[in-house]
Protein backbone atom coordinates (compact mmCIF):
# COMPACT_ATOMS: atom_id res chain seq x y z
CA MET A 1 49.43 12.63 -15.85
CA VAL A 2 46.40 10.94 -14.33
CA CYS A 3 48.27 7.65 -13.99
CA HIS A 4 51.06 9.37 -12.13
CA LEU A 5 48.55 10.97 -9.77
CA ILE A 6 47.03 7.58 -9.01
CA LYS A 7 50.46 6.19 -8.12
CA ILE A 8 51.10 9.14 -5.82
CA VAL A 9 47.76 8.64 -4.08
CA LYS A 10 48.44 4.97 -3.46
CA ALA A 11 51.77 5.88 -1.94
CA VAL A 12 50.19 8.53 0.29
CA PHE A 13 47.50 6.25 1.64
CA ARG A 14 50.00 3.49 2.29
CA PHE A 15 51.37 5.44 5.25
CA GLY A 16 49.10 5.71 8.23
CA SER A 17 50.79 8.84 9.54
CA THR A 18 49.68 10.93 6.57
CA PRO A 19 47.77 14.00 7.82
CA TRP A 20 44.01 13.84 7.28
CA PHE A 21 43.92 17.06 5.31
CA ALA A 22 46.58 15.75 2.93
CA ARG A 23 44.45 12.72 2.24
CA GLY A 24 41.45 14.92 1.67
CA MET A 25 43.34 17.10 -0.77
CA VAL A 26 44.47 14.05 -2.72
CA CYS A 27 40.89 12.77 -2.92
CA LEU A 28 39.82 16.10 -4.38
CA ILE A 29 42.59 15.98 -6.93
CA LEU A 30 41.44 12.53 -8.06
CA MET A 31 37.99 13.84 -8.98
CA GLY A 32 37.52 14.03 -12.73
CA CYS A 33 40.29 11.61 -13.68
CA ASN A 34 38.09 9.81 -16.21
CA ASP A 35 37.39 12.40 -18.90
CA ASN A 36 35.35 11.06 -21.80
CA ARG A 37 34.89 14.43 -23.47
CA ILE A 38 36.13 15.16 -26.96
CA SER A 39 38.15 18.22 -27.82
CA LEU A 40 36.75 21.27 -29.55
CA ASN A 41 38.76 20.53 -32.69
CA GLU A 42 37.31 17.02 -32.87
CA PHE A 43 33.81 18.45 -32.49
CA LEU A 44 34.37 21.01 -35.26
CA ARG A 45 35.67 18.29 -37.58
CA MET A 46 32.62 16.20 -36.77
CA GLN A 47 30.33 19.12 -37.65
CA SER A 48 32.10 19.78 -40.96
CA GLU A 49 31.95 16.18 -42.17
CA PRO A 50 29.35 15.61 -44.92
CA LYS A 51 26.38 13.62 -43.71
CA ASP A 52 25.38 10.67 -45.85
CA ASP A 53 21.61 10.60 -46.09
CA PRO A 54 20.26 7.72 -48.17
CA CYS A 55 17.03 9.61 -48.68
CA ASP A 56 18.90 12.46 -50.33
CA VAL A 57 20.73 10.08 -52.66
CA ALA A 58 17.54 8.37 -53.77
CA VAL A 59 15.83 11.60 -54.80
CA THR A 60 16.70 12.16 -58.47
CA THR A 61 13.45 13.51 -59.88
CA GLN A 62 12.49 17.16 -60.00
CA SER A 63 9.06 18.53 -59.22
CA ALA A 64 6.98 19.88 -62.06
CA PRO A 65 7.29 23.63 -62.65
CA VAL A 66 4.67 25.71 -60.91
CA ASP A 67 3.23 28.95 -62.24
CA VAL A 68 3.62 30.91 -59.04
CA ASP A 69 2.25 34.14 -60.55
CA ARG A 70 -1.05 32.41 -61.19
CA TYR A 71 -1.53 31.77 -57.49
CA LEU A 72 -0.23 35.11 -56.22
CA THR A 73 -2.16 37.48 -58.49
CA GLY A 74 -5.55 39.04 -57.78
CA TYR A 75 -8.89 37.30 -57.56
CA LYS A 76 -10.14 35.39 -60.58
CA VAL A 77 -13.87 35.25 -61.25
CA GLY A 78 -15.55 31.85 -61.25
CA PRO A 79 -18.89 30.05 -60.97
CA ASP A 80 -21.42 31.23 -58.37
CA ASP A 81 -19.71 34.59 -57.95
CA VAL A 82 -22.03 37.58 -57.89
CA LEU A 83 -20.65 40.62 -59.75
CA GLY A 84 -21.71 44.23 -59.70
CA VAL A 85 -21.20 45.87 -63.13
CA THR A 86 -21.60 49.64 -63.65
CA LEU A 87 -21.87 50.98 -67.24
CA THR A 88 -21.28 54.71 -67.76
CA ARG A 89 -21.56 56.63 -71.05
CA ILE A 90 -20.40 60.16 -71.78
CA ASP A 91 -23.94 61.41 -72.51
CA ASP A 92 -25.38 59.97 -69.29
CA MET A 93 -26.68 62.77 -67.10
CA GLY A 94 -26.83 60.79 -63.89
CA LEU A 95 -25.19 57.84 -62.19
CA ASN A 96 -26.32 54.45 -63.40
CA PRO A 97 -26.99 51.83 -60.72
CA PRO A 98 -24.80 48.71 -60.89
CA ILE A 99 -26.14 45.62 -62.59
CA GLN A 100 -25.91 42.46 -60.49
CA VAL A 101 -25.07 39.34 -62.45
CA ARG A 102 -24.16 35.81 -61.34
CA VAL A 103 -21.50 33.74 -63.03
CA ASN A 104 -23.02 30.43 -64.16
CA HIS A 105 -21.28 27.06 -64.11
CA ASP A 106 -20.01 27.66 -67.65
CA GLY A 107 -18.23 30.83 -66.51
CA ASN A 108 -20.56 33.22 -68.36
CA ILE A 109 -22.64 36.25 -67.35
CA HIS A 110 -25.66 37.69 -69.13
CA MET A 111 -25.56 41.43 -69.90
CA PRO A 112 -28.37 43.59 -71.33
CA LEU A 113 -28.34 44.14 -75.15
CA VAL A 114 -25.25 41.97 -75.72
CA GLY A 115 -26.21 38.71 -74.03
CA THR A 116 -23.51 36.25 -72.93
CA VAL A 117 -20.04 37.42 -71.92
CA GLN A 118 -17.31 34.90 -71.01
CA VAL A 119 -15.64 35.86 -67.69
CA HIS A 120 -14.44 32.51 -66.32
CA ASP A 121 -11.03 32.64 -64.62
CA LYS A 122 -10.56 36.31 -65.46
CA SER A 123 -9.37 39.08 -63.16
CA LEU A 124 -11.68 42.05 -62.60
CA GLU A 125 -9.68 44.14 -65.07
CA GLU A 126 -10.06 41.43 -67.69
CA VAL A 127 -13.81 41.19 -66.95
CA GLU A 128 -14.18 44.94 -67.48
CA LEU A 129 -12.31 44.72 -70.79
CA ALA A 130 -14.49 41.78 -72.00
CA ILE A 131 -17.70 43.69 -71.20
CA HIS A 132 -16.35 46.85 -72.84
CA ASN A 133 -15.50 44.97 -76.05
CA ALA A 134 -18.99 43.43 -76.08
CA TYR A 135 -20.64 46.90 -76.14
CA VAL A 136 -18.16 48.96 -78.15
CA PRO A 137 -18.50 49.79 -80.98
CA ASP A 138 -21.59 47.73 -81.91
CA ILE A 139 -23.85 49.18 -79.20
CA TYR A 140 -22.07 52.27 -77.94
CA ARG A 141 -19.30 54.40 -79.37
CA ASP A 142 -17.61 54.64 -75.97
CA LEU A 143 -18.29 53.15 -72.58
CA SER A 144 -16.75 53.04 -69.11
CA VAL A 145 -17.08 49.74 -67.27
CA HIS A 146 -16.52 49.06 -63.57
CA ALA A 147 -16.83 45.55 -62.10
CA GLU A 148 -16.55 44.33 -58.53
CA VAL A 149 -17.17 41.09 -56.67
CA LEU A 150 -20.26 41.49 -54.51
CA LYS A 151 -20.30 37.95 -53.20
CA ALA A 152 -17.83 35.11 -53.55
CA GLU A 153 -18.75 31.55 -52.65
CA PRO A 154 -16.50 30.84 -49.62
CA VAL A 155 -14.78 27.65 -48.53
CA ASN A 156 -14.22 27.31 -44.78
CA VAL A 157 -11.02 25.65 -43.56
CA MET A 158 -9.69 25.23 -40.02
CA VAL A 159 -6.29 26.78 -39.28
CA VAL A 160 -4.67 26.01 -35.91
CA GLY A 161 -1.22 26.17 -34.34
CA ALA A 162 1.32 28.97 -34.42
CA VAL A 163 -0.85 31.62 -36.12
CA LEU A 164 -2.11 34.92 -34.77
CA GLU A 165 -5.86 34.28 -35.25
CA PRO A 166 -6.56 30.53 -35.33
CA GLY A 167 -10.04 29.37 -36.20
CA LEU A 168 -12.38 28.78 -39.12
CA ILE A 169 -11.12 30.81 -42.08
CA PRO A 170 -13.34 31.60 -45.11
CA LEU A 171 -11.50 31.50 -48.44
CA ARG A 172 -12.70 32.71 -51.80
CA ARG A 173 -12.67 30.42 -54.79
CA THR A 174 -9.23 31.21 -56.16
CA GLU A 175 -7.71 31.65 -52.73
CA ARG A 176 -8.22 28.08 -51.56
CA ASN A 177 -4.59 27.29 -50.92
CA VAL A 178 -2.29 27.06 -47.92
CA LEU A 179 -0.83 30.54 -48.32
CA PHE A 180 -4.16 32.40 -48.25
CA ALA A 181 -5.38 30.19 -45.40
CA ILE A 182 -2.43 31.23 -43.22
CA VAL A 183 -2.80 34.90 -44.22
CA GLY A 184 -6.52 34.71 -43.40
CA ALA A 185 -5.56 33.46 -39.92
CA GLY A 186 -3.51 36.60 -39.29
CA GLY A 187 -0.22 35.15 -40.48
CA VAL A 188 2.25 33.03 -38.56
CA SER A 189 3.31 33.98 -35.07
CA SER A 190 6.86 34.57 -33.90
CA MET A 191 6.96 31.01 -32.58
CA ALA A 192 6.22 29.37 -35.95
CA SER A 193 8.78 26.98 -37.38
CA GLY A 194 7.59 27.12 -41.00
CA GLU A 195 6.39 23.51 -40.96
CA ILE A 196 2.73 22.81 -41.75
CA THR A 197 0.53 19.75 -41.80
CA LEU A 198 -2.55 19.50 -44.05
CA ARG A 199 -5.30 17.01 -43.25
CA ARG A 200 -8.12 16.57 -45.76
CA ILE A 201 -11.32 15.18 -44.28
CA ARG A 202 -13.06 14.47 -47.62
CA SER A 203 -10.41 12.10 -48.98
CA ASP A 204 -8.35 9.16 -47.80
CA GLU A 205 -5.07 10.85 -48.67
CA PRO A 206 -2.46 10.77 -45.91
CA GLU A 207 -1.63 14.03 -44.20
CA ILE A 208 0.80 16.26 -46.07
CA LYS A 209 3.75 17.83 -44.28
CA LEU A 210 5.61 20.73 -45.85
CA ASN A 211 8.17 23.32 -44.78
CA LEU A 212 7.21 26.69 -46.21
CA MET A 213 10.73 27.97 -45.56
CA ASN A 214 11.84 25.64 -48.35
CA PRO A 215 11.14 27.18 -51.81
CA ASP A 216 10.35 23.79 -53.35
CA ASP A 217 7.84 22.97 -50.62
CA PHE A 218 6.36 26.44 -50.97
CA LYS A 219 5.74 25.86 -54.69
CA GLN A 220 4.27 22.46 -53.96
CA ALA A 221 1.86 24.03 -51.46
CA LEU A 222 0.61 26.43 -54.13
CA ALA A 223 0.23 23.68 -56.74
CA MET A 224 -1.86 21.37 -54.53
CA GLU A 225 -5.51 20.74 -55.20
CA PRO A 226 -7.72 23.54 -53.82
CA LEU A 227 -8.73 23.30 -50.20
CA GLU A 228 -12.24 22.11 -49.42
CA ASN A 229 -14.72 22.72 -46.65
CA GLY A 230 -13.53 21.20 -43.40
CA ASP A 231 -9.85 20.76 -44.34
CA MET A 232 -7.53 21.34 -41.39
CA LEU A 233 -4.21 23.14 -41.57
CA SER A 234 -1.84 22.98 -38.61
CA VAL A 235 1.15 25.34 -38.34
CA LYS A 236 3.84 23.76 -36.18
CA ALA A 237 5.52 25.85 -33.52
CA ALA A 238 9.30 26.02 -33.41
CA VAL A 239 11.28 24.15 -30.81
CA PRO A 240 11.80 26.51 -27.85
CA ASN A 241 15.16 28.20 -28.21
CA VAL A 242 16.38 27.30 -24.73
CA ILE A 243 20.00 26.89 -23.63
CA PHE A 244 20.65 25.35 -20.24
CA VAL A 245 23.60 26.94 -18.40
CA GLY A 246 24.73 25.54 -15.06
CA GLY A 247 27.67 24.66 -12.87
CA LEU A 248 30.12 27.25 -11.59
CA VAL A 249 28.17 30.31 -12.76
CA ASN A 250 26.51 32.95 -10.62
CA ALA A 251 22.97 32.40 -11.94
CA PRO A 252 22.53 28.85 -13.28
CA GLN A 253 19.27 28.77 -15.21
CA PRO A 254 17.68 27.96 -18.58
CA GLU A 255 18.13 30.91 -20.92
CA VAL A 256 15.26 31.47 -23.38
CA PHE A 257 15.82 33.36 -26.64
CA PRO A 258 13.55 34.15 -29.61
CA PRO A 259 13.53 31.51 -32.36
CA GLY A 260 16.38 31.94 -34.79
CA VAL A 261 18.60 33.83 -32.35
CA GLN A 262 22.02 32.22 -31.88
CA MET A 263 24.09 32.70 -28.76
CA SER A 264 27.78 31.96 -28.36
CA VAL A 265 29.47 30.25 -25.44
CA LEU A 266 30.67 33.48 -23.83
CA GLN A 267 27.30 35.19 -24.36
CA ALA A 268 25.48 32.32 -22.64
CA ILE A 269 27.88 32.44 -19.68
CA ALA A 270 27.44 36.21 -19.43
CA GLY A 271 23.66 35.73 -19.48
CA ALA A 272 24.02 33.38 -16.51
CA GLY A 273 25.72 36.10 -14.43
CA GLY A 274 29.27 35.16 -15.40
CA LEU A 275 31.60 32.71 -13.69
CA ARG A 276 31.85 32.49 -9.92
CA THR A 277 34.43 34.88 -8.53
CA ASP A 278 35.39 32.80 -5.49
CA LEU A 279 36.79 30.10 -7.80
CA THR A 280 38.79 30.11 -11.02
CA PRO A 281 37.00 27.73 -13.43
CA LYS A 282 38.91 27.42 -16.68
CA GLU A 283 36.89 24.90 -18.67
CA ALA A 284 33.31 24.05 -19.60
CA THR A 285 31.44 21.12 -21.09
CA LEU A 286 29.08 21.43 -24.05
CA ILE A 287 26.47 18.66 -24.24
CA ARG A 288 24.68 18.51 -27.59
CA ARG A 289 22.06 16.02 -28.75
CA MET A 290 23.01 14.89 -32.26
CA GLU A 291 20.66 13.86 -35.07
CA ASN A 292 21.12 10.18 -34.26
CA GLY A 293 19.93 10.77 -30.69
CA ALA A 294 23.36 10.41 -29.06
CA ASP A 295 24.81 13.07 -26.76
CA VAL A 296 28.25 14.47 -27.50
CA HIS A 297 30.31 15.94 -24.65
CA VAL A 298 32.78 18.58 -25.79
CA ARG A 299 35.53 20.05 -23.62
CA LEU A 300 35.82 23.83 -23.94
CA GLU A 301 38.87 25.73 -22.72
CA LEU A 302 37.37 28.99 -21.48
CA ASP A 303 40.75 30.73 -21.20
CA ARG A 304 41.54 29.96 -24.83
CA ILE A 305 38.09 31.05 -26.00
CA THR A 306 38.31 34.30 -24.03
CA CYS A 307 41.72 35.08 -25.51
CA GLY A 308 40.54 34.26 -29.04
CA ARG A 309 42.78 31.22 -29.44
CA ASP A 310 39.74 28.93 -29.76
CA PRO A 311 36.54 29.86 -31.63
CA ASN A 312 33.63 31.16 -29.61
CA ILE A 313 31.23 28.64 -31.15
CA ALA A 314 27.50 29.24 -31.49
CA LEU A 315 25.07 27.23 -29.40
CA THR A 316 21.84 25.70 -30.66
CA ALA A 317 18.46 25.16 -29.04
CA GLY A 318 18.58 22.42 -26.43
CA ASP A 319 22.33 22.67 -25.77
CA ILE A 320 23.59 22.24 -22.20
CA LEU A 321 26.57 24.38 -21.23
CA TRP A 322 27.99 23.18 -17.93
CA VAL A 323 30.93 24.69 -16.08
CA PRO A 324 32.11 21.72 -13.98
CA HIS A 325 34.33 21.40 -10.95
CA THR A 326 37.95 20.47 -11.58
CA TRP A 327 40.55 19.33 -9.08
CA GLU A 328 41.75 22.93 -8.90
CA THR A 329 38.31 24.37 -8.14
CA ARG A 330 37.66 21.58 -5.62
CA VAL A 331 40.84 22.50 -3.75
CA GLN A 332 39.91 26.17 -3.83
CA GLU A 333 36.42 25.45 -2.53
CA TRP A 334 37.80 23.22 0.24
CA ILE A 335 40.24 25.93 1.33
CA ASN A 336 37.45 28.52 1.27
CA GLN A 337 35.33 26.33 3.53
CA HIS A 338 38.01 25.37 6.07
CA PHE A 339 40.42 28.30 6.20
CA PHE A 340 39.93 31.99 6.71
CA LEU A 341 42.85 33.96 5.38
CA ARG A 342 42.99 37.55 6.51
CA PHE A 343 45.48 39.80 4.90
CA GLY A 344 46.64 42.97 6.71
CA ALA A 345 46.42 43.84 10.40
CA ALA A 346 44.59 46.36 12.48
CA ALA A 347 46.74 46.85 15.62
CA THR A 348 47.83 49.70 17.80
CA VAL A 349 51.37 49.57 19.24
CA ASN A 350 52.10 51.81 22.22
CA TYR A 351 55.72 52.54 23.01
CA ASN A 352 56.21 53.48 26.63
CA VAL A 353 58.80 53.51 29.33
CA ASN A 354 57.74 50.10 30.59
CA GLY A 355 58.75 48.68 27.22
CA ILE A 356 62.17 50.23 27.52
CA GLU A 357 62.58 48.90 31.02
CA TYR A 358 61.62 45.45 29.78
CA LEU A 359 64.33 45.59 27.12
CA ASN A 360 66.90 46.60 29.73
CA ARG A 361 66.11 44.07 32.40
CA ALA A 362 69.16 41.97 33.03
CA SER A 363 67.08 38.93 33.91
CA GLN A 364 65.46 38.99 30.43
CA GLN A 365 68.66 39.26 28.43
CA ASN A 366 69.42 35.53 28.33
CA ASN A 367 72.98 36.20 29.51
CA SER A 368 73.86 38.40 26.56
CA SER A 369 77.65 38.30 26.08
CA ASN A 370 78.08 41.56 24.20
CA GLY A 371 77.71 43.62 27.37
CA GLY A 372 74.99 45.80 25.89
CA SER A 373 71.26 45.86 26.53
CA LEU A 374 68.49 44.83 24.15
CA GLN A 375 67.67 48.51 23.83
CA ASP A 376 71.13 49.10 22.41
CA THR A 377 70.66 46.22 20.00
CA TYR A 378 67.12 46.88 18.75
CA ASP A 379 66.73 50.62 19.42
CA PRO A 380 70.18 52.22 18.99
CA PHE A 381 68.74 55.57 17.88
CA GLY A 382 66.37 56.02 20.81
CA PHE A 383 63.07 55.86 18.97
CA LEU A 384 61.37 54.37 21.98
CA ASN A 385 62.51 57.24 24.23
CA ARG A 386 61.30 59.85 21.78
CA ASN A 387 57.93 58.14 21.41
CA ALA A 388 57.58 57.96 25.17
CA ALA A 389 58.36 61.68 25.44
CA LEU A 390 55.78 62.48 22.77
CA GLN A 391 53.16 60.46 24.59
CA ASN A 392 53.92 62.30 27.82
CA LEU A 393 53.57 65.64 26.04
CA THR A 394 50.28 64.54 24.50
CA GLY A 395 48.96 63.43 27.84
CA THR A 396 50.02 66.72 29.48
CA GLY A 397 48.24 68.73 26.77
CA LYS A 398 45.04 66.74 27.24
CA SER A 399 45.09 67.31 30.99
CA LEU A 400 45.61 71.07 30.54
CA ARG A 401 42.70 71.28 28.10
CA ALA A 402 40.53 69.34 30.52
CA ARG A 403 41.19 71.97 33.16
């Protein structure tokens, strides 16, 4: 069709007598002849094709199993921890003060009457049971034991990025992992992407990048060597979820949505105030940056999407949705700028005797051959006479009321 239009245009401009507005209209029609956009069906097929990633093919090994429960349970006692232990017997008349003991580097504590008790890497419940078994039944017939951590040797790590309370975070001995560091910083913010970067300042290891939204990476984060003083953890913010809508819409603007929220084509257009009402745009262009860095231009038929004949596809962050001019909208805009079409009329027609006399003047009849007057031809039923009589009556009534 475009080739035929080009031939027509050449023929039009070949004649010098062609009206200027006709040439202008043809120039507008020619706009947009070269369309390099792909169809929506081609785009959907492109999206559904499997992507060959050599990195994925090369990965054949599986990570070692991780005991997740070990890292998500309560605090485990270790060296340099200070414990408060309260021993209560049934025959005690008053409350016994707690005994403060420090865990040595071998993981032992020293208790009165029984000596050494092994508490290394035990939870507080397990510590209480070990102390109870050391006293009962050799020392006491029954005993109630309560243990608590009075002081834990902290490790300070720096947490920055998309967290609620960034800064220097103290971690207890068995909490020196990425998960507890992020929780200690108030948790991730709504702008977090799930990606983290760990930099260790006491080793030459390269920085470690993980995505905590991936279960395998989450397990790997728990299984890493404990964090040390000065380690830095950076939580990466998500890419802003911005969709750029422009062209023939009422409010062209970037539309910002919370991370993870998906908007469809029609929703994005509605968020931009809808299509312009002075024109009738019927198509749009979706511009999406692909993984290889190339931009893909997709032609969208808005009429078909609105009627449900084409899918109302979801947009992603960074997409550009542009409603362009077509030859039809260019013609409409040109007409709107150069012509003012007014439909309807606001006029008052007065029928009077002078009008009747005009119809009956012989000099104005153009030598009518039928022998009758124009009044006989165009007013055979005497409407003009009756209207004139009514006007005279109306005028008479007004004059009487004025008196």
